[in-house]
Amino acid sequence: MIAIMGAGAYGFSMSSNYNSRPRAAEVLVRGNRFAVIRRRENQQDLTRGETIPASLLK
């Protein structure tokens, strides 16, 4: 596990799924409290919205 205390513009909003890599979770930390504010992506998240045209299935 790694904690990056300040990523500026290079946090989740600038991340990508290059090479089908899921993006990391985002965790908000304040003092000794924390909360997951965006869960880690999984394989289903990466392929959601993709379709195979019926003409290619024949």
Protein backbone atom coordinates (compact mmCIF):
# COMPACT_ATOMS: atom_id res chain seq x y z
CA MET A 1 0.00 0.00 0.00
CA ILE A 2 1.18 3.52 -0.75
CA ALA A 3 -0.15 6.87 0.42
CA ILE A 4 0.38 9.98 -1.67
CA MET A 5 -0.56 12.92 0.50
CA GLY A 6 -1.01 15.45 -2.29
CA ALA A 7 -1.27 14.57 -5.97
CA GLY A 8 -2.46 17.93 -7.26
CA ALA A 9 -3.91 17.50 -10.77
CA TYR A 10 -2.51 13.98 -11.06
CA GLY A 11 -5.06 12.09 -8.97
CA PHE A 12 -7.93 9.92 -10.18
CA SER A 13 -9.13 12.54 -12.67
CA MET A 14 -5.90 12.23 -14.68
CA SER A 15 -5.55 8.46 -14.39
CA SER A 16 -6.35 6.08 -17.24
CA ASN A 17 -7.03 2.43 -17.94
CA TYR A 18 -4.07 2.02 -20.28
CA ASN A 19 -3.29 -1.68 -20.85
CA SER A 20 -6.55 -2.59 -19.08
CA ARG A 21 -5.20 -1.60 -15.66
CA PRO A 22 -7.91 -0.75 -13.14
CA ARG A 23 -7.61 2.58 -11.38
CA ALA A 24 -6.79 2.64 -7.67
CA ALA A 25 -9.25 3.51 -4.95
CA GLU A 26 -9.37 7.02 -3.52
CA VAL A 27 -9.27 7.49 0.22
CA LEU A 28 -9.99 10.72 2.06
CA VAL A 29 -7.90 11.12 5.21
CA ARG A 30 -8.36 13.65 8.00
CA GLY A 31 -6.22 13.20 11.06
CA ASN A 32 -6.60 9.59 12.14
CA ARG A 33 -9.91 9.09 10.30
CA PHE A 34 -10.32 7.85 6.74
CA ALA A 35 -13.03 6.90 4.26
CA VAL A 36 -12.94 5.28 0.84
CA ILE A 37 -14.54 7.86 -1.44
CA ARG A 38 -14.07 5.96 -4.71
CA ARG A 39 -13.70 2.18 -4.75
CA ARG A 40 -11.01 0.39 -6.72
CA GLU A 41 -12.11 -0.58 -10.23
CA ASN A 42 -12.45 -4.23 -11.20
CA GLN A 43 -12.45 -6.08 -14.53
CA GLN A 44 -16.20 -5.68 -14.95
CA ASP A 45 -15.82 -1.90 -14.57
CA LEU A 46 -13.24 -1.92 -17.36
CA THR A 47 -15.45 -3.77 -19.85
CA ARG A 48 -18.77 -2.13 -19.00
CA GLY A 49 -20.20 -0.54 -22.11
CA GLU A 50 -18.21 -2.68 -24.56
CA THR A 51 -20.10 -4.78 -27.07
CA ILE A 52 -19.27 -7.27 -29.82
CA PRO A 53 -21.26 -6.64 -33.02
CA ALA A 54 -23.54 -9.58 -33.91
CA SER A 55 -21.96 -9.75 -37.39
CA LEU A 56 -18.62 -10.71 -35.80
CA LEU A 57 -20.15 -13.54 -33.75
CA LYS A 58 -21.06 -15.63 -36.83
